[in-house]
Every structure is written in C-alpha cells, then in structure tokens.
N, C-alpha and C. Protein backbone atom coordinates (compact mmCIF):
# COMPACT_ATOMS: atom_id res chain seq x y z
N MET A 1 121.55 59.52 91.29
CA MET A 1 120.72 59.06 92.39
C MET A 1 119.89 57.88 91.91
N GLU A 2 119.81 56.86 92.70
CA GLU A 2 119.06 55.67 92.33
C GLU A 2 117.56 55.89 92.46
N ASN A 3 116.82 55.02 91.80
CA ASN A 3 115.36 55.09 91.82
C ASN A 3 114.81 55.00 93.24
N THR A 4 115.38 54.13 94.07
CA THR A 4 114.90 54.00 95.44
C THR A 4 115.15 55.28 96.22
N ASP A 5 116.29 55.94 95.96
CA ASP A 5 116.58 57.21 96.61
C ASP A 5 115.57 58.28 96.21
N LEU A 6 115.19 58.27 94.93
CA LEU A 6 114.20 59.23 94.44
C LEU A 6 112.84 58.96 95.07
N ASN A 7 112.49 57.70 95.23
CA ASN A 7 111.23 57.35 95.88
C ASN A 7 111.23 57.81 97.34
N VAL A 8 112.35 57.61 98.02
CA VAL A 8 112.46 58.05 99.41
C VAL A 8 112.34 59.57 99.49
N MET A 9 113.02 60.28 98.57
CA MET A 9 112.93 61.74 98.54
C MET A 9 111.47 62.17 98.38
N TYR A 10 110.76 61.52 97.48
CA TYR A 10 109.36 61.86 97.25
C TYR A 10 108.53 61.59 98.50
N GLN A 11 108.69 60.42 99.09
CA GLN A 11 107.91 60.06 100.27
C GLN A 11 108.18 61.00 101.44
N GLU A 12 109.42 61.41 101.61
CA GLU A 12 109.78 62.24 102.75
C GLU A 12 109.41 63.71 102.57
N HIS A 13 109.29 64.18 101.34
CA HIS A 13 109.12 65.62 101.12
C HIS A 13 107.85 66.01 100.37
N ALA A 14 107.11 65.05 99.84
CA ALA A 14 105.93 65.37 99.03
C ALA A 14 104.90 66.18 99.81
N LYS A 15 104.66 65.80 101.05
CA LYS A 15 103.64 66.48 101.85
C LYS A 15 104.01 67.95 102.07
N GLN A 16 105.29 68.22 102.37
CA GLN A 16 105.73 69.60 102.60
C GLN A 16 105.66 70.42 101.32
N VAL A 17 106.08 69.83 100.20
CA VAL A 17 106.05 70.55 98.93
C VAL A 17 104.61 70.83 98.53
N TYR A 18 103.73 69.85 98.71
CA TYR A 18 102.31 70.07 98.40
C TYR A 18 101.75 71.20 99.28
N GLY A 19 102.04 71.17 100.57
CA GLY A 19 101.55 72.21 101.48
C GLY A 19 102.06 73.58 101.09
N PHE A 20 103.32 73.66 100.72
CA PHE A 20 103.92 74.92 100.28
C PHE A 20 103.17 75.45 99.05
N LEU A 21 102.95 74.57 98.06
CA LEU A 21 102.25 74.98 96.85
C LEU A 21 100.80 75.36 97.14
N TYR A 22 100.15 74.60 98.02
CA TYR A 22 98.75 74.89 98.33
C TYR A 22 98.63 76.26 99.00
N LYS A 23 99.58 76.59 99.87
CA LYS A 23 99.55 77.91 100.52
C LYS A 23 99.68 79.02 99.48
N MET A 24 100.42 78.76 98.41
CA MET A 24 100.62 79.77 97.39
C MET A 24 99.41 79.92 96.47
N CYS A 25 98.81 78.79 96.06
CA CYS A 25 97.77 78.89 95.03
C CYS A 25 96.36 78.60 95.53
N GLN A 26 96.23 78.00 96.71
CA GLN A 26 94.91 77.71 97.29
C GLN A 26 94.04 76.85 96.38
N ASP A 27 94.66 75.94 95.63
CA ASP A 27 93.94 75.07 94.72
C ASP A 27 94.54 73.68 94.85
N SER A 28 93.77 72.73 95.37
CA SER A 28 94.33 71.40 95.64
C SER A 28 94.74 70.66 94.37
N ASP A 29 93.92 70.75 93.32
CA ASP A 29 94.27 70.05 92.07
C ASP A 29 95.53 70.65 91.45
N LEU A 30 95.59 71.97 91.40
CA LEU A 30 96.76 72.64 90.85
C LEU A 30 97.99 72.33 91.70
N SER A 31 97.84 72.32 93.01
CA SER A 31 98.96 72.00 93.90
C SER A 31 99.50 70.60 93.63
N GLU A 32 98.60 69.67 93.42
CA GLU A 32 99.00 68.29 93.12
C GLU A 32 99.77 68.22 91.80
N ASP A 33 99.24 68.89 90.77
CA ASP A 33 99.92 68.89 89.47
C ASP A 33 101.30 69.54 89.57
N LEU A 34 101.35 70.69 90.23
CA LEU A 34 102.62 71.40 90.37
C LEU A 34 103.63 70.60 91.20
N MET A 35 103.13 69.88 92.20
CA MET A 35 104.02 69.05 93.01
C MET A 35 104.65 67.96 92.14
N GLN A 36 103.84 67.34 91.30
CA GLN A 36 104.38 66.31 90.41
C GLN A 36 105.43 66.91 89.48
N ASP A 37 105.14 68.09 88.92
CA ASP A 37 106.11 68.76 88.05
C ASP A 37 107.38 69.10 88.81
N THR A 38 107.22 69.52 90.06
CA THR A 38 108.37 69.87 90.89
C THR A 38 109.30 68.68 91.06
N PHE A 39 108.73 67.54 91.39
CA PHE A 39 109.56 66.36 91.61
C PHE A 39 110.19 65.85 90.31
N LEU A 40 109.48 66.01 89.19
CA LEU A 40 110.08 65.65 87.91
C LEU A 40 111.29 66.52 87.64
N LYS A 41 111.15 67.82 87.85
CA LYS A 41 112.27 68.75 87.64
C LYS A 41 113.41 68.45 88.61
N ALA A 42 113.05 68.16 89.85
CA ALA A 42 114.08 67.85 90.85
C ALA A 42 114.86 66.60 90.45
N MET A 43 114.15 65.60 89.96
CA MET A 43 114.81 64.35 89.56
C MET A 43 115.70 64.58 88.34
N GLU A 44 115.26 65.44 87.43
CA GLU A 44 116.06 65.74 86.24
C GLU A 44 117.32 66.53 86.59
N HIS A 45 117.23 67.34 87.65
CA HIS A 45 118.34 68.25 87.99
C HIS A 45 118.95 67.95 89.36
N ILE A 46 118.82 66.72 89.81
CA ILE A 46 119.32 66.37 91.14
C ILE A 46 120.82 66.63 91.26
N ASP A 47 121.54 66.57 90.15
CA ASP A 47 122.98 66.83 90.18
C ASP A 47 123.30 68.27 90.55
N SER A 48 122.34 69.18 90.39
CA SER A 48 122.59 70.58 90.74
C SER A 48 122.39 70.86 92.23
N TYR A 49 121.82 69.90 92.95
CA TYR A 49 121.64 70.08 94.40
C TYR A 49 123.01 69.93 95.06
N ASP A 50 123.46 71.02 95.70
CA ASP A 50 124.82 71.03 96.26
C ASP A 50 124.85 70.80 97.77
N GLY A 51 123.70 70.65 98.40
CA GLY A 51 123.66 70.36 99.83
C GLY A 51 123.88 71.57 100.72
N LYS A 52 123.93 72.78 100.16
CA LYS A 52 124.15 73.98 100.98
C LYS A 52 122.91 74.39 101.75
N CYS A 53 121.78 73.84 101.36
CA CYS A 53 120.52 74.10 102.08
C CYS A 53 119.82 72.76 102.26
N LYS A 54 118.76 72.78 103.06
CA LYS A 54 117.99 71.55 103.25
C LYS A 54 117.34 71.15 101.93
N LEU A 55 117.17 69.87 101.73
CA LEU A 55 116.55 69.37 100.51
C LEU A 55 115.14 69.96 100.35
N THR A 56 114.43 70.10 101.45
CA THR A 56 113.08 70.68 101.40
C THR A 56 113.13 72.10 100.86
N THR A 57 114.11 72.88 101.29
CA THR A 57 114.25 74.26 100.81
C THR A 57 114.50 74.26 99.30
N TRP A 58 115.38 73.39 98.85
CA TRP A 58 115.69 73.29 97.43
C TRP A 58 114.44 72.91 96.64
N LEU A 59 113.69 71.93 97.15
CA LEU A 59 112.46 71.50 96.47
C LEU A 59 111.41 72.62 96.44
N CYS A 60 111.30 73.36 97.52
CA CYS A 60 110.33 74.47 97.56
C CYS A 60 110.73 75.58 96.60
N GLN A 61 112.02 75.79 96.41
CA GLN A 61 112.48 76.77 95.43
C GLN A 61 112.06 76.32 94.03
N ILE A 62 112.23 75.05 93.73
CA ILE A 62 111.78 74.51 92.45
C ILE A 62 110.27 74.64 92.33
N ALA A 63 109.55 74.33 93.41
CA ALA A 63 108.08 74.43 93.41
C ALA A 63 107.63 75.86 93.15
N LYS A 64 108.28 76.81 93.81
CA LYS A 64 107.93 78.23 93.63
C LYS A 64 108.14 78.62 92.17
N ASN A 65 109.26 78.24 91.59
CA ASN A 65 109.53 78.58 90.19
C ASN A 65 108.55 77.88 89.25
N THR A 66 108.18 76.66 89.59
CA THR A 66 107.20 75.92 88.79
C THR A 66 105.85 76.63 88.83
N TYR A 67 105.47 77.10 90.00
CA TYR A 67 104.20 77.84 90.15
C TYR A 67 104.24 79.14 89.35
N TYR A 68 105.34 79.90 89.47
CA TYR A 68 105.46 81.15 88.72
C TYR A 68 105.45 80.89 87.22
N ASP A 69 106.10 79.81 86.77
CA ASP A 69 106.06 79.45 85.35
C ASP A 69 104.62 79.18 84.92
N HIS A 70 103.90 78.46 85.77
CA HIS A 70 102.49 78.17 85.48
C HIS A 70 101.69 79.47 85.33
N LEU A 71 101.91 80.40 86.24
CA LEU A 71 101.19 81.68 86.17
C LEU A 71 101.54 82.46 84.91
N ARG A 72 102.81 82.48 84.57
CA ARG A 72 103.22 83.18 83.35
C ARG A 72 102.61 82.52 82.11
N ARG A 73 102.62 81.20 82.08
CA ARG A 73 102.03 80.50 80.94
C ARG A 73 100.54 80.82 80.80
N ASN A 74 99.88 80.98 81.90
CA ASN A 74 98.43 81.23 81.88
C ASN A 74 98.09 82.71 81.96
N LYS A 75 99.10 83.56 81.99
CA LYS A 75 98.94 85.03 82.00
C LYS A 75 97.97 85.49 83.07
N LYS A 76 98.10 84.87 84.28
CA LYS A 76 97.21 85.24 85.37
C LYS A 76 97.99 85.86 86.51
N TYR A 77 99.26 86.15 86.31
CA TYR A 77 100.08 86.58 87.44
C TYR A 77 99.50 87.81 88.13
N ALA A 78 99.12 88.80 87.34
CA ALA A 78 98.60 90.02 87.95
C ALA A 78 97.26 89.79 88.62
N ASP A 79 96.53 88.78 88.15
CA ASP A 79 95.19 88.52 88.70
C ASP A 79 95.17 87.36 89.68
N THR A 80 96.35 86.88 90.09
CA THR A 80 96.41 85.72 90.96
C THR A 80 95.61 85.97 92.22
N GLU A 81 94.75 85.03 92.54
CA GLU A 81 93.97 85.12 93.75
C GLU A 81 94.75 84.52 94.91
N ILE A 82 95.09 85.35 95.88
CA ILE A 82 95.72 84.87 97.09
C ILE A 82 94.67 85.02 98.18
N VAL A 83 94.17 83.92 98.64
CA VAL A 83 93.06 83.93 99.59
C VAL A 83 93.58 84.22 100.99
N LEU A 84 93.08 85.28 101.57
CA LEU A 84 93.44 85.59 102.94
C LEU A 84 92.53 84.82 103.88
N ASP A 85 93.10 84.29 104.90
CA ASP A 85 92.31 83.53 105.86
C ASP A 85 91.35 84.46 106.57
N GLY A 86 90.13 83.97 106.78
CA GLY A 86 89.15 84.73 107.54
C GLY A 86 89.42 84.60 109.02
N ILE A 87 88.59 85.19 109.80
CA ILE A 87 88.73 85.10 111.25
C ILE A 87 88.26 83.72 111.67
N ALA A 88 89.19 82.94 112.20
CA ALA A 88 88.90 81.54 112.53
C ALA A 88 87.82 81.43 113.59
N GLY A 89 86.85 80.60 113.32
CA GLY A 89 85.84 80.29 114.32
C GLY A 89 84.75 81.32 114.47
N GLU A 90 84.83 82.46 113.78
CA GLU A 90 83.80 83.48 113.92
C GLU A 90 82.87 83.47 112.71
N GLU A 91 81.61 83.60 112.99
CA GLU A 91 80.61 83.68 111.93
C GLU A 91 80.50 85.15 111.53
N LEU A 92 80.70 85.44 110.24
CA LEU A 92 80.64 86.81 109.77
C LEU A 92 79.26 87.13 109.21
N THR A 93 78.83 88.37 109.42
CA THR A 93 77.59 88.82 108.81
C THR A 93 77.85 89.01 107.32
N PRO A 94 76.81 89.06 106.51
CA PRO A 94 77.02 89.30 105.07
C PRO A 94 77.79 90.61 104.80
N GLU A 95 77.48 91.65 105.59
CA GLU A 95 78.18 92.92 105.42
C GLU A 95 79.67 92.77 105.73
N GLN A 96 79.99 92.03 106.81
CA GLN A 96 81.38 91.81 107.18
C GLN A 96 82.11 90.99 106.12
N GLU A 97 81.41 90.01 105.53
CA GLU A 97 82.02 89.19 104.48
C GLU A 97 82.37 90.04 103.27
N VAL A 98 81.46 90.93 102.87
CA VAL A 98 81.72 91.80 101.72
C VAL A 98 82.91 92.70 102.02
N LEU A 99 82.92 93.32 103.22
CA LEU A 99 84.04 94.19 103.60
C LEU A 99 85.34 93.41 103.66
N SER A 100 85.28 92.20 104.19
CA SER A 100 86.47 91.37 104.29
C SER A 100 87.02 91.03 102.91
N LYS A 101 86.13 90.69 101.97
CA LYS A 101 86.55 90.37 100.61
C LYS A 101 87.14 91.59 99.92
N GLU A 102 86.53 92.74 100.12
CA GLU A 102 87.05 93.97 99.52
C GLU A 102 88.42 94.32 100.09
N THR A 103 88.56 94.18 101.41
CA THR A 103 89.84 94.45 102.05
C THR A 103 90.91 93.49 101.55
N ALA A 104 90.56 92.21 101.44
CA ALA A 104 91.51 91.21 100.95
C ALA A 104 91.93 91.53 99.52
N LYS A 105 90.98 91.98 98.71
CA LYS A 105 91.28 92.34 97.32
C LYS A 105 92.25 93.52 97.28
N GLU A 106 92.02 94.52 98.11
CA GLU A 106 92.91 95.68 98.18
C GLU A 106 94.31 95.27 98.63
N ILE A 107 94.37 94.41 99.65
CA ILE A 107 95.67 93.96 100.16
C ILE A 107 96.43 93.21 99.08
N ARG A 108 95.75 92.33 98.35
CA ARG A 108 96.40 91.60 97.26
C ARG A 108 96.95 92.56 96.21
N MET A 109 96.17 93.59 95.90
CA MET A 109 96.61 94.59 94.92
C MET A 109 97.89 95.28 95.41
N TYR A 110 97.91 95.68 96.68
CA TYR A 110 99.09 96.35 97.23
C TYR A 110 100.29 95.41 97.28
N ILE A 111 100.07 94.16 97.61
CA ILE A 111 101.17 93.18 97.65
C ILE A 111 101.79 93.05 96.27
N HIS A 112 100.96 92.95 95.24
CA HIS A 112 101.48 92.77 93.89
C HIS A 112 102.16 94.03 93.35
N GLN A 113 101.96 95.16 94.01
CA GLN A 113 102.64 96.39 93.61
C GLN A 113 104.01 96.54 94.28
N LEU A 114 104.29 95.70 95.27
CA LEU A 114 105.60 95.78 95.93
C LEU A 114 106.70 95.43 94.93
N PRO A 115 107.84 96.12 95.02
CA PRO A 115 108.96 95.75 94.15
C PRO A 115 109.59 94.45 94.63
N GLU A 116 110.29 93.78 93.70
CA GLU A 116 111.04 92.58 94.07
C GLU A 116 112.31 93.02 94.79
N PRO A 117 112.83 92.29 95.71
CA PRO A 117 112.42 90.98 96.18
C PRO A 117 111.40 91.06 97.31
N TYR A 118 110.95 92.27 97.66
CA TYR A 118 110.05 92.43 98.81
C TYR A 118 108.74 91.67 98.62
N LYS A 119 108.20 91.73 97.40
CA LYS A 119 106.94 91.04 97.14
C LYS A 119 107.11 89.53 97.35
N GLU A 120 108.14 88.96 96.73
CA GLU A 120 108.34 87.52 96.82
C GLU A 120 108.62 87.08 98.26
N VAL A 121 109.45 87.83 98.97
CA VAL A 121 109.76 87.48 100.36
C VAL A 121 108.51 87.58 101.21
N PHE A 122 107.71 88.61 101.00
CA PHE A 122 106.47 88.77 101.76
C PHE A 122 105.53 87.58 101.50
N LEU A 123 105.39 87.19 100.24
CA LEU A 123 104.52 86.06 99.90
C LEU A 123 105.02 84.76 100.51
N LEU A 124 106.33 84.55 100.45
CA LEU A 124 106.90 83.32 101.01
C LEU A 124 106.72 83.25 102.52
N ARG A 125 106.86 84.38 103.18
CA ARG A 125 106.74 84.40 104.65
C ARG A 125 105.28 84.34 105.07
N PHE A 126 104.45 85.19 104.49
CA PHE A 126 103.08 85.33 104.95
C PHE A 126 102.19 84.18 104.50
N TYR A 127 102.28 83.81 103.23
CA TYR A 127 101.38 82.79 102.71
C TYR A 127 101.96 81.39 102.79
N ALA A 128 103.24 81.25 102.46
CA ALA A 128 103.86 79.93 102.49
C ALA A 128 104.41 79.59 103.88
N GLU A 129 104.44 80.58 104.78
CA GLU A 129 104.87 80.41 106.17
C GLU A 129 106.27 79.81 106.28
N LEU A 130 107.16 80.24 105.39
CA LEU A 130 108.55 79.79 105.49
C LEU A 130 109.26 80.59 106.56
N SER A 131 110.27 80.00 107.16
CA SER A 131 111.07 80.70 108.15
C SER A 131 111.98 81.70 107.43
N PHE A 132 112.50 82.66 108.16
CA PHE A 132 113.41 83.63 107.56
C PHE A 132 114.68 82.93 107.08
N ARG A 133 115.09 81.90 107.77
CA ARG A 133 116.27 81.14 107.38
C ARG A 133 116.03 80.47 106.02
N GLU A 134 114.85 79.85 105.86
CA GLU A 134 114.53 79.19 104.59
C GLU A 134 114.42 80.20 103.46
N ILE A 135 113.85 81.36 103.74
CA ILE A 135 113.73 82.41 102.73
C ILE A 135 115.12 82.89 102.33
N GLY A 136 115.97 83.15 103.31
CA GLY A 136 117.33 83.57 103.02
C GLY A 136 118.05 82.55 102.16
N GLN A 137 117.90 81.26 102.48
CA GLN A 137 118.54 80.20 101.71
C GLN A 137 118.04 80.17 100.27
N MET A 138 116.74 80.41 100.08
CA MET A 138 116.19 80.39 98.72
C MET A 138 116.82 81.47 97.85
N PHE A 139 117.21 82.58 98.46
CA PHE A 139 117.81 83.68 97.73
C PHE A 139 119.33 83.66 97.79
N GLY A 140 119.88 82.67 98.49
CA GLY A 140 121.33 82.61 98.65
C GLY A 140 121.84 83.69 99.59
N LYS A 141 121.00 84.08 100.54
CA LYS A 141 121.32 85.14 101.50
C LYS A 141 121.21 84.58 102.91
N SER A 142 121.35 85.47 103.88
CA SER A 142 121.30 85.06 105.28
C SER A 142 119.88 85.14 105.84
N GLU A 143 119.71 84.57 107.02
CA GLU A 143 118.43 84.65 107.74
C GLU A 143 118.10 86.11 108.04
N VAL A 144 119.10 86.89 108.42
CA VAL A 144 118.90 88.31 108.73
C VAL A 144 118.39 89.05 107.49
N TRP A 145 118.97 88.73 106.34
CA TRP A 145 118.51 89.35 105.09
C TRP A 145 117.03 89.04 104.88
N GLY A 146 116.62 87.79 105.09
CA GLY A 146 115.23 87.42 104.93
C GLY A 146 114.32 88.20 105.86
N ARG A 147 114.74 88.32 107.11
CA ARG A 147 113.95 89.05 108.11
C ARG A 147 113.84 90.54 107.75
N VAL A 148 114.97 91.16 107.42
CA VAL A 148 114.99 92.60 107.10
C VAL A 148 114.17 92.88 105.83
N THR A 149 114.33 92.04 104.82
CA THR A 149 113.60 92.23 103.57
C THR A 149 112.10 92.09 103.79
N TYR A 150 111.70 91.12 104.60
CA TYR A 150 110.28 90.94 104.92
C TYR A 150 109.74 92.17 105.65
N LEU A 151 110.45 92.63 106.66
CA LEU A 151 109.98 93.77 107.44
C LEU A 151 109.91 95.04 106.59
N ARG A 152 110.89 95.24 105.71
CA ARG A 152 110.84 96.41 104.82
C ARG A 152 109.66 96.31 103.86
N GLY A 153 109.40 95.12 103.34
CA GLY A 153 108.25 94.93 102.47
C GLY A 153 106.94 95.17 103.20
N LYS A 154 106.89 94.69 104.43
CA LYS A 154 105.69 94.90 105.25
C LYS A 154 105.48 96.39 105.52
N ASP A 155 106.56 97.11 105.81
CA ASP A 155 106.47 98.56 106.02
C ASP A 155 105.98 99.28 104.77
N MET A 156 106.51 98.87 103.60
CA MET A 156 106.06 99.47 102.34
C MET A 156 104.58 99.22 102.13
N LEU A 157 104.15 98.01 102.42
CA LEU A 157 102.75 97.64 102.27
C LEU A 157 101.87 98.49 103.17
N MET A 158 102.28 98.63 104.42
CA MET A 158 101.50 99.43 105.38
C MET A 158 101.43 100.90 104.94
N GLN A 159 102.53 101.44 104.47
CA GLN A 159 102.55 102.84 104.00
C GLN A 159 101.61 103.04 102.82
N ARG A 160 101.64 102.11 101.89
CA ARG A 160 100.75 102.21 100.72
C ARG A 160 99.30 102.15 101.13
N MET A 161 98.99 101.30 102.11
CA MET A 161 97.61 101.17 102.56
C MET A 161 97.17 102.41 103.32
N GLU A 162 98.07 102.99 104.12
CA GLU A 162 97.73 104.19 104.88
C GLU A 162 97.54 105.39 103.97
N ASN A 163 98.27 105.45 102.86
CA ASN A 163 98.20 106.59 101.93
C ASN A 163 96.93 106.57 101.08
N GLN A 164 96.21 105.49 101.08
CA GLN A 164 95.01 105.38 100.24
C GLN A 164 93.76 105.72 100.99
C-alpha cells in the first residue's frame, strides 16, 4: 500500500478508531496513544487485511488487541475502570452519586467475572457500541452469533446480580 493510501486510511478511519478506544478506556490521552499504535500496527500488517470485513472493523479489532496488550503490560486488567454513563441531564444528590458509583463498581466486577467470549462481546456491544454484525466479524462469526452471545452474557450478568 502506498503512503498516500495509508494517509487516506488514517484520515477516513482515525475518528472512529479513536471513538472506539475512548469508549473502552474513557481516557482521551490513552485513546490517542493507542490509536497511533493501532495505525502503526495496521500499516505494518496491511498485507493481512483480506477484505472479508470492513476496514473499520479490522482496525477496531487491532485497536481492541492494542488496548488489551496495554492493560496486560500495566497489570491493570482486573482493575480496569469502565465508567458507566450517569443519568443524562439529571442532577444527582450526593447520596445518589455514592449509590450510583457503588452500583457501577459492582456491575464492573460482575462483567469482569463473565467467561469469554461473553465478557468481550458484552464490552464491545455495551461500551464500544458496536453492531452485532461488527462483533460477529471481529470473531469470524455471524451477526446472529454476536447477538446470541451478547444476550447470553447479559442473562448471566443479570443472574449474578440477582443472586447477590
């Protein structure tokens, strides 16, 4: 691939890859660094892109792996903070904020206890807001597989929360 093609790839997909990474880590500086690493890896391995999925999907798969590598290197995987969105537009009382933070902490704990691939599919759908088709493509599976795996993971999560 020529340099101009690589520049076009970056210009067309950088915003989506950054957004995907930001949804995962909730850190703008880290997202920027990981995005740069993602595109470096993509450029090094562009020959492995076979066109069976959208280029954005392929790049997000690289971004996800780059993020997981970062977490493993920093030994923070189990403690990764996944920020749950608060109630948009509503002002919370201090008591509600404490309860909301505690609930979010519990939910994160239950999510990280899910077995693979349910945990990863749940994170990709809920936090990265990928479509079931994109999730299926990332795993080399179908859209239906992505949907079923997400729903099963969600059911496991709900059961664990109800049992506590």
